[in-house]
Amino acid sequence: MSEITELIRRANEGESQAREQLLAALYRDLRRLAHSRLARSETLTLLDTTSLVHDAFLKLLDSKELQFADRGRFLAYSAKAMR
């Protein structure tokens, strides 16, 4: 099991430290996704890259389950949350 998958599993169990570690581990990737999303957006938004990352991550944490098989699926869902 990869480190990210393990962090997702622990975060799903409610471990707050795992959630923080997950954000730290994927922060660069999430920022890249957010920047790309904002660059392609046709609507005016007051969110910047950092705000979008944090907003999407909070949405993910509010979901009932963080059952993702791997890092790629987590990032795909994150991209969807950013939309």
Protein backbone atom coordinates (compact mmCIF):
# COMPACT_ATOMS: atom_id res chain seq x y z
CA MET A 1 0.00 0.00 0.00
CA SER A 2 1.42 3.37 -0.97
CA GLU A 3 1.96 6.16 1.54
CA ILE A 4 -0.86 8.23 0.00
CA THR A 5 -3.30 5.32 0.04
CA GLU A 6 -2.42 4.67 3.67
CA LEU A 7 -2.97 8.35 4.53
CA ILE A 8 -6.36 8.27 2.78
CA ARG A 9 -7.31 5.16 4.76
CA ARG A 10 -6.27 6.76 8.06
CA ALA A 11 -8.01 10.05 7.20
CA ASN A 12 -11.17 8.09 6.43
CA GLU A 13 -10.98 6.61 9.90
CA GLY A 14 -11.07 10.15 11.30
CA GLU A 15 -7.41 10.63 12.09
CA SER A 16 -6.88 14.39 11.85
CA GLN A 17 -3.09 14.10 11.63
CA ALA A 18 -3.47 11.86 8.57
CA ARG A 19 -5.65 14.51 6.92
CA GLU A 20 -2.99 17.14 7.49
CA GLN A 21 -0.29 14.82 6.17
CA LEU A 22 -2.41 14.00 3.12
CA LEU A 23 -2.83 17.67 2.29
CA ALA A 24 0.90 18.27 2.74
CA ALA A 25 1.82 15.27 0.60
CA LEU A 26 -0.48 16.27 -2.27
CA TYR A 27 -0.39 20.04 -1.94
CA ARG A 28 1.84 20.66 -4.95
CA ASP A 29 -0.31 18.42 -7.16
CA LEU A 30 -3.51 20.04 -5.89
CA ARG A 31 -2.11 23.53 -6.59
CA ARG A 32 -1.21 22.47 -10.11
CA LEU A 33 -4.77 21.22 -10.66
CA ALA A 34 -6.27 24.41 -9.20
CA HIS A 35 -4.05 26.67 -11.29
CA SER A 36 -5.00 24.79 -14.43
CA ARG A 37 -8.69 24.93 -13.54
CA LEU A 38 -8.60 28.68 -12.92
CA ALA A 39 -6.66 29.31 -16.13
CA ARG A 40 -9.34 27.49 -18.16
CA SER A 41 -12.28 29.05 -16.37
CA GLU A 42 -14.46 31.33 -18.44
CA THR A 43 -16.20 32.80 -15.41
CA LEU A 44 -14.78 35.43 -13.14
CA THR A 45 -13.99 34.10 -9.69
CA LEU A 46 -12.63 35.69 -6.56
CA LEU A 47 -10.78 32.50 -5.67
CA ASP A 48 -7.07 32.24 -6.19
CA THR A 49 -5.13 29.00 -6.55
CA THR A 50 -4.52 28.59 -2.82
CA SER A 51 -8.14 29.30 -1.93
CA LEU A 52 -9.40 26.82 -4.51
CA VAL A 53 -7.08 24.09 -3.18
CA HIS A 54 -8.20 24.66 0.39
CA ASP A 55 -11.88 24.84 -0.58
CA ALA A 56 -11.68 21.61 -2.57
CA PHE A 57 -9.78 19.83 0.19
CA LEU A 58 -12.37 20.88 2.76
CA LYS A 59 -15.12 19.54 0.49
CA LEU A 60 -13.27 16.25 0.25
CA LEU A 61 -12.90 16.02 4.01
CA ASP A 62 -16.59 16.78 4.52
CA SER A 63 -17.55 13.85 2.32
CA LYS A 64 -18.62 10.73 4.15
CA GLU A 65 -15.93 8.52 2.73
CA LEU A 66 -12.48 9.05 1.28
CA GLN A 67 -12.43 5.64 -0.33
CA PHE A 68 -10.04 6.09 -3.22
CA ALA A 69 -7.93 3.26 -4.54
CA ASP A 70 -4.86 5.39 -5.13
CA ARG A 71 -3.32 8.83 -5.56
CA GLY A 72 -4.55 9.17 -9.14
CA ARG A 73 -8.18 8.61 -8.26
CA PHE A 74 -7.90 10.98 -5.32
CA LEU A 75 -6.52 13.70 -7.61
CA ALA A 76 -9.21 13.00 -10.21
CA TYR A 77 -11.89 13.45 -7.58
CA SER A 78 -10.12 16.59 -6.34
CA ALA A 79 -10.20 18.05 -9.83
CA LYS A 80 -13.93 17.36 -9.97
CA ALA A 81 -14.43 19.05 -6.60
CA MET A 82 -12.61 22.11 -7.92
CA ARG A 83 -15.06 22.43 -10.78
